Structures are given as C-alpha cells and as structure tokens.
C-alpha cells in the first residue's frame, strides 16, 4: 500500500488534492479571522482539506493502480 501511495503522486489528481488541502486551510483561516479565531478556522480547514486529499489519493489508487485480472 505504501508503494501505491507513493505512485499516486505521479498523477495530477493527487496534486490537485494537495492544492485543495492548502486552499481549504487558507479559507478556514480567512473565515476564522471574521470570528476572531483564525487558528481554529485554519485547523478546521486543514482537517477538511486533509480529508479531501485522502479521498483523492484513494480515488487515484483505485482508478490507476488496482489491476483487475478478470
């Protein structure tokens, strides 16, 4: 599984997931600024972005690196 995760970084979808992860943290920080809790907003945004990155990576592995012999 580790090898597949490393191979997933060769696909553009994984890189888009990583960028969306950072953007979610940035958005959370920005929204948290309005409520005077930018660190909490960044934390929530980072968690949401990490979940998104995890889902994108799983999608890439399932789509490109799982071979169906049948």
C-alpha atoms as a PDB file:
ATOM      1  CA  UNK A   1       0.000   0.000   0.000  1.00  0.00           C
ATOM      2  CA  UNK A   2       2.874   2.379   0.751  1.00  0.00           C
ATOM      3  CA  UNK A   3       4.214   1.893  -2.758  1.00  0.00           C
ATOM      4  CA  UNK A   4       0.814   2.675  -4.261  1.00  0.00           C
ATOM      5  CA  UNK A   5       0.571   5.873  -2.218  1.00  0.00           C
ATOM      6  CA  UNK A   6       3.993   6.913  -3.473  1.00  0.00           C
ATOM      7  CA  UNK A   7       2.979   6.126  -7.048  1.00  0.00           C
ATOM      8  CA  UNK A   8      -0.207   8.164  -6.636  1.00  0.00           C
ATOM      9  CA  UNK A   9       1.927  11.340  -6.521  1.00  0.00           C
ATOM     10  CA  UNK A  10       2.727  10.776 -10.196  1.00  0.00           C
ATOM     11  CA  UNK A  11      -0.860  11.627 -11.112  1.00  0.00           C
ATOM     12  CA  UNK A  12      -2.238  15.127 -11.444  1.00  0.00           C
ATOM     13  CA  UNK A  13      -5.347  14.354  -9.412  1.00  0.00           C
ATOM     14  CA  UNK A  14      -3.266  13.870  -6.269  1.00  0.00           C
ATOM     15  CA  UNK A  15      -1.540  17.218  -6.772  1.00  0.00           C
ATOM     16  CA  UNK A  16      -4.906  18.917  -7.205  1.00  0.00           C
ATOM     17  CA  UNK A  17      -5.998  17.318  -3.927  1.00  0.00           C
ATOM     18  CA  UNK A  18      -2.873  18.694  -2.211  1.00  0.00           C
ATOM     19  CA  UNK A  19      -3.574  22.179  -3.540  1.00  0.00           C
ATOM     20  CA  UNK A  20      -7.203  21.959  -2.409  1.00  0.00           C
ATOM     21  CA  UNK A  21      -5.987  20.877   1.032  1.00  0.00           C
ATOM     22  CA  UNK A  22      -3.917  24.045   1.332  1.00  0.00           C
ATOM     23  CA  UNK A  23      -6.720  26.188  -0.029  1.00  0.00           C
ATOM     24  CA  UNK A  24      -9.161  24.720   2.493  1.00  0.00           C
ATOM     25  CA  UNK A  25      -6.800  25.639   5.351  1.00  0.00           C
ATOM     26  CA  UNK A  26      -6.384  29.133   3.911  1.00  0.00           C
ATOM     27  CA  UNK A  27     -10.131  29.544   3.554  1.00  0.00           C
ATOM     28  CA  UNK A  28     -10.646  28.299   7.105  1.00  0.00           C
ATOM     29  CA  UNK A  29      -8.084  30.809   8.369  1.00  0.00           C
ATOM     30  CA  UNK A  30      -9.739  33.618   6.433  1.00  0.00           C
ATOM     31  CA  UNK A  31     -13.204  32.729   7.694  1.00  0.00           C
ATOM     32  CA  UNK A  32     -11.852  32.244  11.211  1.00  0.00           C
ATOM     33  CA  UNK A  33     -10.456  35.767  11.089  1.00  0.00           C
ATOM     34  CA  UNK A  34     -14.002  37.078  10.846  1.00  0.00           C
ATOM     35  CA  UNK A  35     -14.888  35.253  14.072  1.00  0.00           C
ATOM     36  CA  UNK A  36     -11.595  36.209  15.774  1.00  0.00           C
ATOM     37  CA  UNK A  37     -10.317  32.611  15.807  1.00  0.00           C
ATOM     38  CA  UNK A  38      -8.020  32.249  12.759  1.00  0.00           C
ATOM     39  CA  UNK A  39      -6.090  29.301  14.241  1.00  0.00           C
ATOM     40  CA  UNK A  40      -9.278  27.366  14.891  1.00  0.00           C
ATOM     41  CA  UNK A  41     -10.507  28.162  11.387  1.00  0.00           C
ATOM     42  CA  UNK A  42      -7.210  27.004   9.891  1.00  0.00           C
ATOM     43  CA  UNK A  43      -7.416  23.807  11.941  1.00  0.00           C
ATOM     44  CA  UNK A  44     -10.934  23.032  10.736  1.00  0.00           C
ATOM     45  CA  UNK A  45      -9.990  23.923   7.152  1.00  0.00           C
ATOM     46  CA  UNK A  46      -6.842  21.799   7.360  1.00  0.00           C
ATOM     47  CA  UNK A  47      -8.797  18.811   8.645  1.00  0.00           C
ATOM     48  CA  UNK A  48     -11.352  19.187   5.854  1.00  0.00           C
ATOM     49  CA  UNK A  49      -8.552  19.573   3.301  1.00  0.00           C
ATOM     50  CA  UNK A  50      -6.721  16.527   4.627  1.00  0.00           C
ATOM     51  CA  UNK A  51      -9.899  14.501   4.306  1.00  0.00           C
ATOM     52  CA  UNK A  52     -10.247  15.720   0.733  1.00  0.00           C
ATOM     53  CA  UNK A  53      -6.621  14.822  -0.052  1.00  0.00           C
ATOM     54  CA  UNK A  54      -7.113  11.363   1.426  1.00  0.00           C
ATOM     55  CA  UNK A  55     -10.206  10.789  -0.713  1.00  0.00           C
ATOM     56  CA  UNK A  56      -8.419  11.996  -3.863  1.00  0.00           C
ATOM     57  CA  UNK A  57      -5.463   9.714  -3.174  1.00  0.00           C
ATOM     58  CA  UNK A  58      -7.760   6.730  -2.656  1.00  0.00           C
ATOM     59  CA  UNK A  59      -9.531   7.555  -5.902  1.00  0.00           C
ATOM     60  CA  UNK A  60      -6.228   7.679  -7.800  1.00  0.00           C
ATOM     61  CA  UNK A  61      -5.055   4.388  -6.309  1.00  0.00           C
ATOM     62  CA  UNK A  62      -8.372   2.684  -7.057  1.00  0.00           C
ATOM     63  CA  UNK A  63      -8.522   4.026 -10.590  1.00  0.00           C
ATOM     64  CA  UNK A  64      -4.920   3.677 -11.750  1.00  0.00           C
ATOM     65  CA  UNK A  65      -3.126   1.151  -9.540  1.00  0.00           C
ATOM     66  CA  UNK A  66      -5.638  -1.593  -8.841  1.00  0.00           C
ATOM     67  CA  UNK A  67      -5.445  -4.236 -11.505  1.00  0.00           C
ATOM     68  CA  UNK A  68      -8.478  -6.357 -12.181  1.00  0.00           C
ATOM     69  CA  UNK A  69      -7.370  -9.678 -13.687  1.00  0.00           C
ATOM     70  CA  UNK A  70     -10.868 -10.554 -14.803  1.00  0.00           C
END
